[in-house]
Protein backbone atom coordinates (compact mmCIF):
# COMPACT_ATOMS: atom_id res chain seq x y z
CA MET A 1 17.68 -43.67 26.15
CA ALA A 2 15.24 -41.00 27.32
CA LEU A 3 15.53 -37.63 25.61
CA SER A 4 15.84 -34.40 27.56
CA SER A 5 13.50 -31.49 26.76
CA SER A 6 16.29 -29.78 24.81
CA HIS A 7 16.76 -32.94 22.72
CA HIS A 8 13.00 -33.02 22.05
CA ILE A 9 13.18 -29.46 20.75
CA LEU A 10 16.18 -30.28 18.53
CA LEU A 11 14.44 -33.37 17.16
CA LEU A 12 11.24 -31.39 16.44
CA SER A 13 13.27 -28.69 14.69
CA PHE A 14 14.98 -31.34 12.58
CA LEU A 15 11.67 -32.99 11.64
CA LEU A 16 10.13 -29.64 10.73
CA SER A 17 13.13 -28.73 8.58
CA CYS A 18 12.83 -32.06 6.74
CA TYR A 19 9.10 -31.64 6.08
CA VAL A 20 8.67 -30.90 2.38
CA PRO A 21 5.08 -30.62 1.05
CA LEU A 22 4.55 -32.47 -2.20
CA GLY A 23 5.23 -30.23 -5.19
CA LEU A 24 6.52 -27.28 -3.12
CA ALA A 25 10.02 -26.06 -2.36
CA ARG A 26 11.52 -26.87 1.03
CA ARG A 27 9.92 -24.66 3.68
CA HIS A 28 11.21 -23.46 7.04
CA TRP A 29 9.57 -21.94 10.05
CA PRO A 30 10.29 -18.16 9.84
CA VAL A 31 12.73 -17.82 12.74
CA GLY A 32 14.46 -14.45 12.89
CA GLY A 33 18.19 -13.92 12.74
CA SER A 34 18.03 -11.14 15.31
CA THR A 35 15.08 -9.76 17.27
CA ARG A 36 14.33 -6.03 17.17
CA PHE A 37 12.06 -4.47 19.77
CA TYR A 38 10.08 -1.27 19.26
CA ASP A 39 7.67 0.61 21.51
CA PHE A 40 4.96 2.59 19.68
CA LYS A 41 2.68 4.98 21.53
CA VAL A 42 -0.28 6.23 19.50
CA GLN A 43 -0.99 9.72 20.80
CA THR A 44 -2.28 13.15 19.82
CA THR A 45 0.31 15.78 18.95
CA ARG A 46 -0.13 19.48 18.25
CA VAL A 47 1.35 20.74 14.98
CA THR A 48 1.30 24.04 13.10
CA LYS A 49 1.08 23.95 9.31
CA LEU A 50 -0.06 26.48 6.72
CA CYS A 51 -0.76 29.21 9.33
CA LYS A 52 -3.00 26.97 11.46
CA THR A 53 -2.51 24.79 14.55
CA LYS A 54 -4.35 21.52 15.19
CA ASP A 55 -4.03 18.17 16.96
CA ILE A 56 -3.09 15.15 14.87
CA VAL A 57 -2.66 11.48 15.75
CA THR A 58 0.98 10.32 15.66
CA VAL A 59 3.23 7.55 16.92
CA ASN A 60 5.67 8.66 19.63
CA GLY A 61 4.84 12.28 18.83
CA MET A 62 6.66 11.99 15.48
CA PHE A 63 5.32 12.92 12.03
CA PRO A 64 6.30 10.85 10.08
CA GLY A 65 6.68 8.21 12.77
CA PRO A 66 9.80 6.30 13.83
CA VAL A 67 11.74 4.24 11.29
CA ILE A 68 11.94 0.49 11.86
CA TYR A 69 15.47 -0.63 10.94
CA ALA A 70 16.18 -4.32 10.44
CA GLN A 71 17.99 -6.91 8.37
CA GLU A 72 16.56 -9.66 6.20
CA ASP A 73 15.07 -12.48 8.31
CA ASP A 74 14.99 -10.40 11.51
CA ARG A 75 12.19 -10.91 14.02
CA ILE A 76 10.25 -7.71 14.77
CA ILE A 77 8.32 -7.16 18.01
CA VAL A 78 6.38 -3.89 18.32
CA LYS A 79 4.30 -3.10 21.38
CA VAL A 80 1.61 -0.60 20.34
CA THR A 81 -0.06 1.29 23.18
CA ASN A 82 -3.03 3.44 22.26
CA GLU A 83 -2.86 6.69 24.25
CA SER A 84 -5.19 8.48 21.84
CA PRO A 85 -8.97 8.75 22.25
CA HIS A 86 -9.51 6.91 18.96
CA ASN A 87 -9.39 3.26 17.96
CA ALA A 88 -6.10 2.30 16.32
CA THR A 89 -4.35 -0.49 14.42
CA ILE A 90 -1.01 -0.66 12.61
CA HIS A 91 -0.51 -2.43 9.26
CA TRP A 92 2.99 -3.45 8.21
CA HIS A 93 2.57 -2.70 4.52
CA GLY A 94 4.36 -5.15 2.24
CA VAL A 95 5.46 -7.48 5.03
CA ARG A 96 4.40 -10.89 3.81
CA GLN A 97 3.47 -12.08 7.33
CA ARG A 98 4.56 -15.68 6.84
CA LEU A 99 2.48 -17.66 9.36
CA SER A 100 1.70 -14.42 11.24
CA CYS A 101 -1.62 -13.29 9.76
CA TRP A 102 -2.77 -12.16 13.23
CA ALA A 103 -0.13 -9.39 13.07
CA ASP A 104 -1.16 -7.95 9.70
CA GLY A 105 -3.19 -5.11 11.20
CA PRO A 106 -6.19 -4.09 9.03
CA SER A 107 -9.10 -3.29 11.33
CA TYR A 108 -11.97 -5.79 11.34
CA ILE A 109 -10.07 -8.00 8.87
CA THR A 110 -7.32 -9.60 11.00
CA GLN A 111 -7.99 -7.90 14.32
CA CYS A 112 -10.37 -5.70 16.25
CA PRO A 113 -8.99 -2.22 16.90
CA ILE A 114 -6.74 -1.38 19.83
CA GLN A 115 -9.09 0.69 21.95
CA ALA A 116 -8.09 3.78 23.92
CA GLY A 117 -5.88 2.83 26.85
CA GLN A 118 -5.15 -0.67 25.54
CA SER A 119 -2.10 -2.24 23.89
CA PHE A 120 -1.27 -5.05 21.49
CA THR A 121 2.10 -6.54 20.59
CA TYR A 122 2.73 -7.28 16.93
CA GLU A 123 5.25 -10.03 16.18
CA PHE A 124 6.43 -11.05 12.71
CA THR A 125 9.53 -12.10 10.80
CA LEU A 126 10.89 -10.30 7.74
CA PHE A 127 11.34 -13.69 6.12
CA GLN A 128 13.39 -13.40 2.91
CA GLN A 129 12.53 -9.70 2.63
CA LYS A 130 14.80 -6.71 2.20
CA GLY A 131 14.39 -3.16 0.93
CA THR A 132 11.96 -0.37 1.71
CA LEU A 133 8.48 -0.95 3.12
CA PHE A 134 6.36 1.13 5.48
CA TRP A 135 3.87 0.92 8.31
CA HIS A 136 0.66 2.88 8.72
CA ALA A 137 -2.62 3.05 10.59
CA HIS A 138 -5.28 0.83 9.02
CA ILE A 139 -8.45 2.26 10.46
CA SER A 140 -10.50 5.28 9.35
CA TRP A 141 -8.27 7.86 7.62
CA LEU A 142 -5.58 7.98 10.31
CA ARG A 143 -2.96 6.83 7.80
CA ALA A 144 -2.62 10.53 6.85
CA THR A 145 -0.49 11.15 9.94
CA VAL A 146 0.18 7.69 11.43
CA ASN A 147 2.89 6.26 9.18
CA GLY A 148 6.61 5.57 9.01
CA ALA A 149 9.30 3.71 7.09
CA ILE A 150 10.53 0.13 7.37
CA VAL A 151 14.15 -0.14 6.17
CA ILE A 152 15.36 -3.73 5.77
CA TYR A 153 19.04 -4.14 4.97
CA PRO A 154 20.50 -7.26 3.37
CA LYS A 155 22.15 -9.81 5.61
CA THR A 156 25.60 -8.95 6.92
CA SER A 157 28.25 -9.05 4.17
CA VAL A 158 25.58 -9.32 1.43
CA PRO A 159 26.01 -6.28 -0.86
CA TYR A 160 23.42 -4.27 -2.71
CA PRO A 161 23.17 -5.30 -6.40
CA PHE A 162 24.02 -1.70 -7.34
CA PRO A 163 26.81 0.79 -6.48
CA TYR A 164 26.90 1.43 -2.76
CA PRO A 165 25.54 4.93 -2.06
CA TYR A 166 27.35 7.61 -0.09
CA GLU A 167 24.21 8.20 1.98
CA GLU A 168 20.61 7.00 2.19
CA HIS A 169 17.54 9.14 2.85
CA VAL A 170 13.85 8.31 3.38
CA LEU A 171 11.23 10.54 1.71
CA ILE A 172 7.63 9.93 2.78
CA PHE A 173 4.98 11.62 0.62
CA GLY A 174 1.63 12.60 2.10
CA GLU A 175 -1.36 14.91 2.09
CA TYR A 176 -2.53 17.39 4.70
CA TRP A 177 -5.94 18.74 5.65
CA HIS A 178 -6.82 21.36 8.26
CA LYS A 179 -9.76 19.24 9.42
CA ASP A 180 -9.52 16.34 11.82
CA MET A 181 -9.18 13.21 9.66
CA LEU A 182 -11.90 11.19 11.39
CA GLN A 183 -14.29 14.11 11.10
CA LEU A 184 -13.37 14.57 7.44
CA GLU A 185 -14.15 10.92 6.71
CA LYS A 186 -17.52 11.17 8.48
CA GLU A 187 -18.44 14.29 6.49
CA VAL A 188 -17.51 12.66 3.16
CA VAL A 189 -19.58 9.56 3.95
CA ALA A 190 -22.51 11.69 5.12
CA SER A 191 -22.43 13.81 1.96
CA GLY A 192 -22.41 10.87 -0.45
CA GLY A 193 -20.01 12.92 -2.57
CA SER A 194 -16.30 13.35 -3.22
CA PRO A 195 -13.73 14.34 -0.59
CA PRO A 196 -12.33 17.87 -0.64
CA PRO A 197 -8.83 18.27 -2.07
CA ALA A 198 -5.93 18.36 0.37
CA GLU A 199 -4.75 21.73 1.64
CA ALA A 200 -1.18 20.68 0.81
CA TYR A 201 1.10 17.86 -0.21
CA LEU A 202 3.95 16.96 2.15
CA ILE A 203 7.48 15.59 1.86
CA ASN A 204 8.48 14.21 5.27
CA SER A 205 5.66 16.36 6.74
CA HIS A 206 6.98 19.57 5.11
CA PRO A 207 4.91 21.32 2.40
CA GLY A 208 7.62 23.61 1.08
CA PRO A 209 7.72 27.26 -0.02
CA ARG A 210 4.81 27.29 -2.52
CA TYR A 211 2.23 27.12 0.29
CA ASN A 212 1.12 29.84 2.71
CA CYS A 213 3.31 30.31 5.80
CA SER A 214 5.68 27.58 4.59
CA ALA A 215 8.73 29.45 3.28
CA THR A 216 10.88 27.80 5.96
CA ASP A 217 8.81 24.61 6.34
CA VAL A 218 10.99 22.80 3.82
CA TYR A 219 12.70 19.41 3.98
CA LYS A 220 16.33 19.45 2.83
CA ILE A 221 19.01 16.94 1.89
CA ASP A 222 22.57 18.24 2.00
CA VAL A 223 24.70 16.59 -0.70
CA VAL A 224 28.39 16.44 -1.55
CA PRO A 225 29.34 17.03 -5.21
CA GLY A 226 30.18 13.82 -7.05
CA LYS A 227 28.56 11.49 -4.50
CA THR A 228 25.67 9.09 -5.17
CA TYR A 229 22.60 9.00 -2.89
CA LEU A 230 19.95 6.35 -2.35
CA LEU A 231 16.49 7.87 -1.87
CA ARG A 232 13.85 5.57 -0.37
CA LEU A 233 10.56 7.00 -1.71
CA ILE A 234 7.34 6.04 0.12
CA SER A 235 3.83 7.16 -0.77
CA ALA A 236 1.63 7.39 2.32
CA SER A 237 -0.76 9.74 0.48
CA LEU A 238 -4.42 9.19 1.18
CA ASN A 239 -6.24 9.81 -2.09
CA MET A 240 -3.71 11.08 -4.64
CA GLU A 241 -0.99 9.67 -6.83
CA HIS A 242 2.12 11.75 -7.38
CA PHE A 243 4.86 12.57 -9.84
CA PHE A 244 8.34 13.11 -8.42
CA ALA A 245 11.39 14.76 -9.98
CA ILE A 246 14.62 16.47 -8.96
CA ALA A 247 15.65 19.52 -10.98
CA GLY A 248 18.54 18.73 -13.31
CA HIS A 249 19.08 15.19 -11.99
CA LYS A 250 18.32 11.70 -13.25
CA LEU A 251 16.64 9.04 -11.11
CA THR A 252 17.86 5.46 -11.47
CA ILE A 253 15.20 3.06 -10.16
CA VAL A 254 16.79 0.02 -8.48
CA GLU A 255 13.95 -1.29 -6.33
CA ALA A 256 10.15 -1.22 -6.21
CA ASP A 257 8.03 -2.52 -3.33
CA ALA A 258 11.11 -3.95 -1.59
CA GLU A 259 12.21 -6.04 -4.58
CA TYR A 260 15.30 -5.30 -6.65
CA THR A 261 14.69 -4.29 -10.24
CA LYS A 262 16.89 -4.16 -13.28
CA PRO A 263 18.18 -0.58 -13.00
CA PHE A 264 16.65 1.97 -15.36
CA THR A 265 16.96 5.74 -15.46
CA VAL A 266 14.17 8.30 -15.77
CA ASP A 267 13.74 12.06 -15.52
CA ARG A 268 10.63 11.72 -13.36
CA LEU A 269 8.45 8.94 -11.98
CA MET A 270 4.95 8.32 -10.67
CA ILE A 271 4.40 6.73 -7.27
CA THR A 272 0.98 5.61 -6.13
CA PRO A 273 -0.29 5.31 -2.52
CA GLY A 274 1.11 2.13 -0.99
CA GLN A 275 4.14 1.92 -3.27
CA THR A 276 7.80 2.27 -2.34
CA ILE A 277 10.50 3.02 -4.91
CA ASN A 278 14.27 3.25 -4.32
CA VAL A 279 16.25 5.50 -6.64
CA LEU A 280 19.93 6.35 -7.01
CA VAL A 281 20.74 10.02 -7.62
CA LYS A 282 24.22 11.25 -8.45
CA ALA A 283 25.13 14.77 -7.37
CA ASP A 284 26.75 15.54 -10.73
CA GLN A 285 25.41 19.04 -11.44
CA PRO A 286 26.89 22.51 -10.75
CA ILE A 287 26.91 23.50 -7.08
CA ASP A 288 23.49 24.96 -6.34
CA ARG A 289 20.18 24.30 -4.61
CA TYR A 290 17.78 22.09 -6.60
CA ASP A 291 14.08 21.49 -6.07
CA MET A 292 12.72 18.03 -5.34
CA ALA A 293 9.11 18.35 -6.49
CA MET A 294 6.12 16.14 -5.72
CA GLY A 295 3.04 17.03 -7.76
CA PRO A 296 -0.33 15.46 -8.57
CA TYR A 297 -1.13 12.72 -11.04
CA MET A 298 -4.90 12.74 -11.57
CA SER A 299 -6.19 10.26 -14.14
CA ALA A 300 -9.91 10.57 -13.38
CA GLN A 301 -12.25 13.02 -15.11
CA ASN A 302 -14.04 15.93 -13.40
CA VAL A 303 -12.27 15.61 -10.04
CA THR A 304 -11.03 18.63 -8.10
CA PHE A 305 -7.56 18.27 -6.60
CA GLN A 306 -4.68 20.27 -5.14
CA ASN A 307 -2.45 21.38 -8.01
CA ILE A 308 0.37 23.01 -6.03
CA SER A 309 3.49 20.87 -5.71
CA ALA A 310 5.30 20.12 -2.47
CA ILE A 311 8.95 21.18 -2.68
CA ALA A 312 12.02 19.90 -0.83
CA HIS A 313 15.63 20.87 -1.51
CA PHE A 314 18.53 18.82 -2.85
CA GLN A 315 21.27 21.21 -1.72
CA TYR A 316 24.94 20.98 -2.63
CA THR A 317 27.63 21.75 -0.10
CA GLY A 318 28.87 25.25 -0.91
CA ALA A 319 25.61 26.47 -2.45
CA THR A 320 24.72 30.10 -1.75
CA LEU A 321 21.68 29.97 0.50
CA ASP A 322 20.14 33.26 -0.60
CA ASP A 323 19.87 32.12 -4.23
CA LEU A 324 16.61 30.81 -5.62
CA SER A 325 16.50 27.05 -6.06
CA ARG A 326 16.42 25.54 -9.52
CA PRO A 327 12.84 24.42 -10.31
CA ALA A 328 12.00 20.81 -11.11
CA GLN A 329 9.91 19.97 -14.16
CA ILE A 330 7.15 17.52 -13.38
CA PRO A 331 4.60 16.26 -15.93
CA VAL A 332 1.17 17.80 -16.36
CA TYR A 333 -1.34 16.26 -13.96
CA ASN A 334 -2.90 13.83 -16.48
CA ASP A 335 0.24 12.61 -18.29
CA ASN A 336 -0.63 8.93 -18.62
CA LEU A 337 2.30 8.31 -20.97
CA VAL A 338 4.89 8.87 -18.23
CA VAL A 339 3.01 6.45 -15.99
CA SER A 340 2.74 3.69 -18.59
CA THR A 341 6.38 4.16 -19.63
CA ASN A 342 7.59 3.78 -16.05
CA LEU A 343 5.51 0.62 -15.60
CA HIS A 344 6.72 -0.79 -18.92
CA MET A 345 10.36 -0.41 -17.85
CA LEU A 346 9.95 -2.18 -14.49
CA ARG A 347 11.63 -5.59 -14.57
CA SER A 348 12.59 -7.94 -11.75
CA LEU A 349 16.28 -8.40 -11.18
CA ASN A 350 15.58 -12.05 -10.36
CA ALA A 351 12.11 -13.48 -11.00
CA THR A 352 11.95 -16.67 -8.93
CA ASN A 353 8.98 -18.93 -8.20
CA LEU A 354 6.91 -17.30 -10.95
CA PRO A 355 3.88 -19.56 -11.56
CA SER A 356 3.89 -20.82 -15.15
CA GLU A 357 0.73 -22.90 -14.73
CA ILE A 358 -2.50 -21.66 -13.18
CA ASP A 359 -4.96 -23.38 -10.82
CA ALA A 360 -7.29 -20.44 -10.13
CA ASN A 361 -8.02 -18.01 -12.96
CA LEU A 362 -9.83 -14.96 -11.58
CA PHE A 363 -11.14 -11.76 -13.13
CA PHE A 364 -12.04 -8.76 -10.93
CA THR A 365 -13.46 -5.46 -12.16
CA VAL A 366 -12.46 -2.41 -10.09
CA GLY A 367 -14.14 0.95 -10.16
CA LEU A 368 -16.73 3.40 -8.86
CA ASN A 369 -20.48 3.08 -8.60
CA VAL A 370 -23.33 5.43 -7.84
CA GLU A 371 -26.04 4.23 -5.49
CA GLU A 372 -29.58 5.56 -5.73
CA CYS A 373 -30.44 8.30 -3.25
CA HIS A 374 -32.74 7.17 -0.43
CA SER A 375 -32.20 10.13 1.90
CA SER A 376 -34.92 12.35 3.27
CA ASN A 377 -32.45 15.23 2.82
CA PRO A 378 -30.88 14.57 -0.60
CA ASN A 379 -29.31 18.01 -0.95
CA LYS A 380 -27.01 17.22 1.99
CA SER A 381 -26.49 13.47 1.81
CA CYS A 382 -26.71 12.61 -1.90
CA GLN A 383 -24.01 14.75 -3.50
CA GLY A 384 -22.68 12.12 -5.89
CA PRO A 385 -23.23 12.25 -9.68
CA SER A 386 -26.83 13.00 -10.72
CA GLY A 387 -27.94 13.26 -7.11
CA GLY A 388 -26.78 9.78 -6.15
CA VAL A 389 -24.36 8.44 -3.54
CA PHE A 390 -20.81 7.37 -4.40
CA ALA A 391 -19.82 3.75 -3.85
CA ALA A 392 -16.96 1.60 -5.13
CA SER A 393 -16.64 -2.10 -5.79
CA MET A 394 -14.78 -5.17 -6.97
CA ASN A 395 -16.84 -7.35 -9.31
CA ASN A 396 -19.71 -4.99 -8.50
CA VAL A 397 -19.63 -5.96 -4.80
CA SER A 398 -19.12 -3.12 -2.29
CA PHE A 399 -17.37 -4.61 0.73
CA VAL A 400 -18.74 -4.04 4.23
CA LYS A 401 -16.48 -4.71 7.21
CA PRO A 402 -18.00 -6.98 9.90
CA ASN A 403 -18.23 -6.00 13.57
CA ILE A 404 -15.55 -8.47 14.63
CA SER A 405 -12.53 -9.43 12.57
CA LEU A 406 -12.92 -11.78 9.62
CA LEU A 407 -9.89 -13.76 10.78
CA GLN A 408 -11.48 -14.40 14.18
CA ALA A 409 -14.79 -15.35 12.55
CA TYR A 410 -12.97 -17.76 10.21
CA ASP A 411 -10.69 -19.24 12.87
CA ASN A 412 -13.57 -19.73 15.35
CA ASN A 413 -16.11 -20.91 12.76
CA ILE A 414 -18.50 -18.08 13.61
CA ASN A 415 -21.39 -18.12 11.15
CA GLY A 416 -23.31 -15.19 9.77
CA LEU A 417 -20.54 -12.56 9.59
CA TYR A 418 -19.45 -13.24 6.00
CA THR A 419 -20.25 -15.38 3.00
CA ASP A 420 -17.72 -17.21 0.83
CA ASP A 421 -19.43 -16.42 -2.48
CA PHE A 422 -17.35 -13.52 -3.75
CA PRO A 423 -17.57 -14.00 -7.54
CA GLY A 424 -14.44 -15.13 -9.34
CA VAL A 425 -15.61 -13.38 -12.51
CA PRO A 426 -17.96 -10.39 -13.05
CA LEU A 427 -21.65 -11.12 -12.61
CA LYS A 428 -22.40 -8.95 -15.63
CA THR A 429 -20.37 -8.83 -18.83
CA TYR A 430 -20.22 -5.70 -20.97
CA ASP A 431 -17.70 -3.33 -22.52
CA PHE A 432 -16.14 -2.52 -19.14
CA VAL A 433 -14.12 0.51 -20.20
CA ASN A 434 -16.34 2.17 -22.80
CA GLY A 435 -19.80 0.65 -22.57
CA ALA A 436 -20.53 0.48 -18.87
CA PRO A 437 -24.21 0.88 -17.97
CA ASN A 438 -23.76 4.43 -16.75
CA ASN A 439 -27.36 5.63 -16.74
CA ILE A 440 -26.61 7.06 -13.31
CA PRO A 441 -27.74 6.26 -10.71
CA ASN A 442 -30.24 3.50 -11.46
CA ASP A 443 -28.07 1.17 -13.56
CA THR A 444 -24.88 1.22 -11.48
CA GLN A 445 -26.09 -0.32 -8.25
CA SER A 446 -23.50 -2.58 -6.64
CA LEU A 447 -24.24 -5.46 -4.32
CA ILE A 448 -23.41 -4.70 -0.69
CA GLY A 449 -22.02 -7.38 1.57
CA THR A 450 -19.11 -9.06 3.34
CA LYS A 451 -18.03 -11.60 0.75
CA VAL A 452 -14.74 -13.50 0.57
CA LYS A 453 -13.04 -15.70 -2.01
CA VAL A 454 -11.64 -19.01 -0.72
CA LEU A 455 -8.34 -20.31 -2.15
CA GLU A 456 -6.92 -23.78 -1.63
CA TYR A 457 -3.48 -23.86 -0.03
CA GLY A 458 -0.74 -23.84 -2.66
CA SER A 459 -3.01 -22.86 -5.53
CA ARG A 460 -1.35 -20.88 -8.32
CA VAL A 461 -3.45 -17.83 -8.95
CA GLN A 462 -3.78 -15.53 -11.94
CA LEU A 463 -5.93 -12.46 -11.32
CA ILE A 464 -6.97 -9.98 -14.00
CA LEU A 465 -7.75 -6.54 -12.53
CA GLN A 466 -9.99 -4.69 -15.01
CA ASN A 467 -10.59 -0.96 -14.73
CA THR A 468 -14.19 0.08 -15.41
CA GLY A 469 -15.74 3.28 -16.72
CA THR A 470 -19.07 3.08 -14.91
CA VAL A 471 -18.47 6.57 -13.46
CA THR A 472 -14.96 7.42 -14.65
CA THR A 473 -11.87 5.41 -15.46
CA GLU A 474 -8.83 6.11 -13.31
CA ASN A 475 -5.59 4.55 -12.14
CA HIS A 476 -6.48 2.42 -9.07
CA PRO A 477 -3.64 1.39 -6.71
CA ILE A 478 -4.61 -2.15 -5.67
CA HIS A 479 -2.77 -3.63 -2.67
CA LEU A 480 -2.78 -7.29 -1.61
CA HIS A 481 -1.97 -8.03 2.03
CA GLY A 482 0.23 -10.96 2.99
CA TYR A 483 1.72 -11.49 -0.47
CA SER A 484 3.76 -9.97 -3.21
CA PHE A 485 2.71 -10.79 -6.75
CA TYR A 486 4.21 -10.77 -10.21
CA VAL A 487 2.75 -8.16 -12.56
CA VAL A 488 2.85 -10.32 -15.68
CA GLY A 489 0.88 -8.00 -17.95
CA TYR A 490 -1.05 -4.77 -18.34
CA GLY A 491 -2.64 -2.78 -21.11
CA THR A 492 -5.33 -0.36 -22.15
CA GLY A 493 -8.95 -1.17 -22.92
CA ASN A 494 -10.62 -4.44 -22.02
CA TYR A 495 -8.50 -7.48 -21.24
CA ASN A 496 -8.47 -9.94 -24.16
CA PRO A 497 -6.83 -13.29 -23.37
CA MET A 498 -6.26 -13.92 -27.07
CA SER A 499 -4.20 -10.78 -27.65
CA ALA A 500 -2.79 -9.91 -24.21
CA LYS A 501 0.99 -10.09 -24.05
CA LEU A 502 2.31 -11.51 -20.78
CA ASN A 503 5.84 -11.25 -19.42
CA LEU A 504 6.73 -14.62 -17.91
CA VAL A 505 10.48 -13.95 -17.89
CA ASP A 506 11.21 -10.99 -15.60
CA PRO A 507 7.97 -9.30 -14.46
CA PRO A 508 8.19 -6.94 -11.47
CA TYR A 509 7.36 -8.42 -8.05
CA MET A 510 5.13 -5.96 -6.19
CA ASN A 511 2.55 -5.62 -3.43
CA THR A 512 0.69 -2.62 -4.89
CA ILE A 513 -0.13 -2.13 -8.56
CA GLY A 514 -1.65 0.89 -10.22
CA VAL A 515 -4.26 -0.67 -12.50
CA PRO A 516 -3.90 1.53 -15.61
CA VAL A 517 -6.56 4.14 -16.28
CA GLY A 518 -9.06 2.59 -18.71
CA GLY A 519 -7.05 -0.62 -18.77
CA TRP A 520 -6.08 -3.82 -16.96
CA ALA A 521 -3.29 -5.53 -15.08
CA ALA A 522 -2.58 -9.27 -14.73
CA ILE A 523 -0.92 -10.56 -11.57
CA ARG A 524 0.20 -14.00 -10.40
CA PHE A 525 1.02 -15.42 -6.98
CA VAL A 526 1.04 -18.73 -5.10
CA ALA A 527 -1.47 -18.89 -2.22
CA ASP A 528 0.94 -20.49 0.26
CA ASN A 529 0.29 -18.41 3.39
CA PRO A 530 -2.84 -19.43 5.33
CA GLY A 531 -5.17 -16.82 6.77
CA VAL A 532 -7.45 -13.96 5.74
CA TRP A 533 -5.85 -11.44 3.42
CA PHE A 534 -7.35 -8.07 2.50
CA MET A 535 -7.20 -6.76 -1.08
CA HIS A 536 -8.24 -3.17 -1.66
CA CYS A 537 -7.73 0.11 -3.42
CA HIS A 538 -5.17 2.23 -1.55
CA PHE A 539 -7.17 5.40 -2.06
CA ASP A 540 -8.76 5.63 1.37
CA VAL A 541 -11.94 7.21 0.00
CA HIS A 542 -12.39 4.24 -2.37
CA LEU A 543 -11.71 1.84 0.51
CA THR A 544 -14.36 3.65 2.55
CA TRP A 545 -16.79 3.33 -0.36
CA GLY A 546 -16.21 -0.44 -0.56
CA LEU A 547 -13.50 -1.06 -3.17
CA SER A 548 -12.08 -4.12 -1.42
CA MET A 549 -12.49 -7.84 -0.79
CA ALA A 550 -10.74 -10.57 1.17
CA PHE A 551 -9.17 -13.91 0.32
CA ILE A 552 -9.30 -16.82 2.71
CA VAL A 553 -6.31 -19.09 2.08
CA LYS A 554 -7.06 -22.47 3.62
CA ASN A 555 -4.60 -24.47 5.71
CA GLY A 556 -2.43 -27.01 3.98
CA GLU A 557 -0.86 -29.99 5.74
CA GLY A 558 1.38 -29.88 8.77
CA PRO A 559 2.48 -27.02 11.05
CA LEU A 560 4.31 -25.07 8.33
CA GLU A 561 1.08 -24.72 6.34
CA THR A 562 -1.32 -24.02 9.20
CA LEU A 563 -2.54 -20.74 10.64
CA PRO A 564 -1.23 -20.54 14.24
CA HIS A 565 -3.47 -19.79 17.20
CA PRO A 566 -4.22 -16.10 17.91
CA PRO A 567 -1.97 -14.24 20.36
CA ALA A 568 -3.21 -13.95 23.91
CA ASP A 569 -3.40 -10.15 23.83
CA LEU A 570 -5.36 -9.89 20.57
CA PRO A 571 -7.75 -6.93 21.01
CA SER A 572 -11.44 -7.64 21.45
CA CYS A 573 -14.24 -5.64 19.90
């Protein structure tokens, strides 16, 4: 009997659902439960902050931008139209982009930018994901103002694994400069030196009363005594890590990077750019107005930074408004103990599919470099240490983006745009933390190039991220696109495989890890999503200087392990 077209589709769906690659769990095509449509318009918007007015780039005129609300397994379709005069892309940070690498968003990695007057429609499925993520521009330094939350609820009738909150609130942390962000980036690159500190820190775009002209520019959460609140904390900051605390209140961490954790309670926490943390806060204090403070964590030496905290208010119903708010106590700017304690207490609620055996054992150093000055005007363009030019690298390779996207070059077999010889271990071995060859600038030259590391489909990867002291040690927030990974270990000093203690029971499952200052972190993941995946420091200045690389994950067998064709409206360069 001949089959109708609908029967052909049903038969194909059945065959695909029965296809089980050898040695891997049953896989399914990521089909959404519901489809959610969003329309993003990238445009310039005039704002007034800190006594001054300027134009910033926003989405839909909102700062922060619109929240994407969804449930686990929903299909998301976002049409992004660029009405600004600048190139634009959007990255869906933490979305694992199962079989949708073309929608990941980093400029010149998975796509060419959306040029002025053009549009591109991103489509992806939140396959087996729930919690708090965020989206942001992934070109130049536009992330400072082009960002917003992604809130993914569990499936209908599936409860949270913690007490249901009375209300939920999103808090997006950021930094603010008076200068245009593209111009600021150009000036920093041209100088060869460090970026200027931010004029202010922001909580949901509000600096709070400690800054000039900002007595009423304060974000506020109204709370009912005795109720419990879920705060979805997101760091969209450009170049700074931050402590967060609420005066007189405890924070119970229940999720990090959109993965549930075993609950643990702290007085204050550190959140690094690219991370999301969900906390429960009970309004169990006397009726009053309490400060929510976001202040700097600076682990590097000899770096200037903004040391005034952003303040929001956690305000009880019935509080007298003319009273002063109760101040929050945040750690001193270089309190590494708080940071390491928070990381030590992070544990997955359910650690599933944790690789116990390893196929690819990698070791990447991360840190800063100083290039030798070759400028005819060194006083203006060589303002790094000892008259050099700042750079940054992984395994002493400073990454250079190509002029078309890596994913297009890979998919179309275009030669000459990248090489696949990114080293799996450092090219030079030395005491990375304490004995780096720091006879600046001559002994710290990094290689410059567009190098990628190729991974076989399904390979189980362990990657050691080693902080280096070539210029200064500092906490580096390293983000891997397309995957979450288990943080199975971390420590101070140089990684020693003989003495390192790894947690193979309940390590946290994250997409961004702060590699400890003067230390290391060990992560594990299974390379089961084909495509080109960016890995980089989430300090934008370090990304600009080259602290990044890319993995190519090869196709496996069959349609569920193969990179699909590019979308028809993929932007061209």
